[in-house]
Amino acid sequence: MNAKSIHLLGGDGHARPGGCVAERDEMFLRVTGGLAPDTPANVPWYGQGSTTRRPP
């Protein structure tokens, strides 16, 4: 998981991983904002076919 995460950060994300992760968290919450909490959302960074649910 760590190796995959480092690869996904790419570019200047390596210099500021905390900020990069926070930005992506915010984007996930924005994109899934209209979904009911029990609706599965794809999270391909955890592996093919992986899903999670949006926090309430």
N, C-alpha and C. Protein backbone atom coordinates (compact mmCIF):
# COMPACT_ATOMS: atom_id res chain seq x y z
N MET A 1 0.82 -1.18 0.00
CA MET A 1 0.00 0.00 0.00
C MET A 1 0.87 1.25 0.00
N ASN A 2 1.91 1.27 0.82
CA ASN A 2 2.78 2.45 0.86
C ASN A 2 3.45 2.71 -0.47
N ALA A 3 3.98 1.66 -1.11
CA ALA A 3 4.64 1.83 -2.40
C ALA A 3 3.65 2.38 -3.43
N LYS A 4 2.44 1.86 -3.43
CA LYS A 4 1.42 2.34 -4.37
C LYS A 4 1.09 3.80 -4.07
N SER A 5 0.97 4.15 -2.81
CA SER A 5 0.66 5.53 -2.43
C SER A 5 1.75 6.49 -2.88
N ILE A 6 2.99 6.11 -2.67
CA ILE A 6 4.11 6.96 -3.08
C ILE A 6 4.08 7.18 -4.58
N HIS A 7 3.81 6.12 -5.33
CA HIS A 7 3.71 6.23 -6.78
C HIS A 7 2.57 7.17 -7.18
N LEU A 8 1.43 7.08 -6.51
CA LEU A 8 0.28 7.90 -6.85
C LEU A 8 0.50 9.38 -6.52
N LEU A 9 1.33 9.67 -5.51
CA LEU A 9 1.59 11.06 -5.16
C LEU A 9 2.31 11.79 -6.29
N GLY A 10 3.34 11.15 -6.84
CA GLY A 10 4.07 11.72 -7.97
C GLY A 10 4.40 13.19 -7.82
N GLY A 11 5.17 13.73 -8.74
CA GLY A 11 5.49 15.15 -8.80
C GLY A 11 5.83 15.76 -7.47
N ASP A 12 5.24 16.93 -7.20
CA ASP A 12 5.57 17.65 -5.98
C ASP A 12 4.87 17.06 -4.75
N GLY A 13 4.02 16.05 -4.94
CA GLY A 13 3.38 15.38 -3.81
C GLY A 13 4.39 14.76 -2.86
N HIS A 14 5.56 14.37 -3.40
CA HIS A 14 6.61 13.80 -2.55
C HIS A 14 7.13 14.83 -1.56
N ALA A 15 7.15 16.09 -1.95
CA ALA A 15 7.68 17.14 -1.09
C ALA A 15 6.71 17.51 0.02
N ARG A 16 5.42 17.31 -0.20
CA ARG A 16 4.41 17.69 0.79
C ARG A 16 3.31 16.63 0.86
N PRO A 17 3.66 15.44 1.31
CA PRO A 17 2.67 14.35 1.30
C PRO A 17 1.44 14.63 2.14
N GLY A 18 1.58 15.28 3.29
CA GLY A 18 0.41 15.56 4.14
C GLY A 18 -0.60 16.44 3.43
N GLY A 19 -0.12 17.49 2.79
CA GLY A 19 -1.00 18.39 2.06
C GLY A 19 -1.65 17.70 0.88
N CYS A 20 -0.89 16.88 0.20
CA CYS A 20 -1.40 16.16 -0.97
C CYS A 20 -2.51 15.19 -0.54
N VAL A 21 -2.30 14.47 0.54
CA VAL A 21 -3.31 13.53 1.03
C VAL A 21 -4.56 14.29 1.48
N ALA A 22 -4.39 15.41 2.18
CA ALA A 22 -5.53 16.20 2.63
C ALA A 22 -6.34 16.72 1.45
N GLU A 23 -5.66 17.18 0.39
CA GLU A 23 -6.36 17.65 -0.81
C GLU A 23 -7.18 16.53 -1.44
N ARG A 24 -6.60 15.34 -1.49
CA ARG A 24 -7.32 14.21 -2.10
C ARG A 24 -8.49 13.76 -1.22
N ASP A 25 -8.32 13.85 0.09
CA ASP A 25 -9.43 13.55 1.00
C ASP A 25 -10.59 14.51 0.76
N GLU A 26 -10.25 15.79 0.67
CA GLU A 26 -11.28 16.80 0.42
C GLU A 26 -11.98 16.56 -0.91
N MET A 27 -11.22 16.19 -1.94
CA MET A 27 -11.80 15.91 -3.25
C MET A 27 -12.75 14.71 -3.16
N PHE A 28 -12.35 13.66 -2.46
CA PHE A 28 -13.20 12.48 -2.30
C PHE A 28 -14.52 12.87 -1.65
N LEU A 29 -14.44 13.68 -0.60
CA LEU A 29 -15.66 14.09 0.10
C LEU A 29 -16.54 14.98 -0.77
N ARG A 30 -15.93 15.85 -1.58
CA ARG A 30 -16.70 16.69 -2.51
C ARG A 30 -17.41 15.84 -3.56
N VAL A 31 -16.66 14.93 -4.17
CA VAL A 31 -17.21 14.10 -5.25
C VAL A 31 -18.30 13.17 -4.75
N THR A 32 -18.17 12.68 -3.53
CA THR A 32 -19.15 11.73 -2.99
C THR A 32 -20.18 12.41 -2.09
N GLY A 33 -20.14 13.73 -2.00
CA GLY A 33 -21.00 14.48 -1.10
C GLY A 33 -22.49 14.22 -1.26
N GLY A 34 -22.95 13.94 -2.46
CA GLY A 34 -24.37 13.70 -2.68
C GLY A 34 -24.80 12.27 -2.49
N LEU A 35 -23.87 11.39 -2.20
CA LEU A 35 -24.21 9.97 -2.03
C LEU A 35 -24.69 9.69 -0.62
N ALA A 36 -25.60 8.75 -0.51
CA ALA A 36 -26.01 8.28 0.81
C ALA A 36 -24.81 7.59 1.47
N PRO A 37 -24.68 7.66 2.80
CA PRO A 37 -23.52 7.06 3.48
C PRO A 37 -23.33 5.58 3.21
N ASP A 38 -24.39 4.85 2.86
CA ASP A 38 -24.22 3.41 2.63
C ASP A 38 -23.93 3.07 1.17
N THR A 39 -23.75 4.08 0.31
CA THR A 39 -23.43 3.85 -1.09
C THR A 39 -21.95 3.54 -1.24
N PRO A 40 -21.58 2.40 -1.83
CA PRO A 40 -20.16 2.10 -2.00
C PRO A 40 -19.52 3.04 -3.03
N ALA A 41 -18.31 3.48 -2.75
CA ALA A 41 -17.54 4.32 -3.66
C ALA A 41 -16.27 3.56 -4.03
N ASN A 42 -15.89 3.61 -5.29
CA ASN A 42 -14.68 2.93 -5.74
C ASN A 42 -13.45 3.59 -5.14
N VAL A 43 -12.53 2.77 -4.67
CA VAL A 43 -11.24 3.24 -4.15
C VAL A 43 -10.14 2.36 -4.75
N PRO A 44 -9.82 2.59 -6.03
CA PRO A 44 -8.90 1.71 -6.73
C PRO A 44 -7.49 1.68 -6.15
N TRP A 45 -7.12 2.69 -5.35
CA TRP A 45 -5.80 2.68 -4.75
C TRP A 45 -5.66 1.58 -3.71
N TYR A 46 -6.75 0.98 -3.25
CA TYR A 46 -6.69 -0.17 -2.35
C TYR A 46 -6.67 -1.49 -3.10
N GLY A 47 -6.79 -1.44 -4.42
CA GLY A 47 -6.77 -2.65 -5.24
C GLY A 47 -7.99 -2.68 -6.14
N GLN A 48 -7.87 -3.44 -7.20
CA GLN A 48 -8.93 -3.54 -8.19
C GLN A 48 -10.23 -4.01 -7.55
N GLY A 49 -11.31 -3.29 -7.83
CA GLY A 49 -12.62 -3.66 -7.31
C GLY A 49 -12.90 -3.26 -5.87
N SER A 50 -11.95 -2.54 -5.23
CA SER A 50 -12.15 -2.14 -3.83
C SER A 50 -13.15 -0.98 -3.73
N THR A 51 -13.95 -1.02 -2.69
CA THR A 51 -14.90 0.06 -2.43
C THR A 51 -14.85 0.42 -0.95
N THR A 52 -15.37 1.60 -0.64
CA THR A 52 -15.53 2.04 0.73
C THR A 52 -16.82 2.85 0.80
N ARG A 53 -17.23 3.20 1.96
CA ARG A 53 -18.42 4.01 2.10
C ARG A 53 -18.03 5.40 2.59
N ARG A 54 -18.77 6.39 2.15
CA ARG A 54 -18.51 7.77 2.54
C ARG A 54 -18.86 7.92 4.02
N PRO A 55 -17.98 8.60 4.79
CA PRO A 55 -18.32 8.81 6.20
C PRO A 55 -19.55 9.71 6.33
N PRO A 56 -20.39 9.45 7.32
CA PRO A 56 -21.60 10.27 7.51
C PRO A 56 -21.26 11.69 7.93
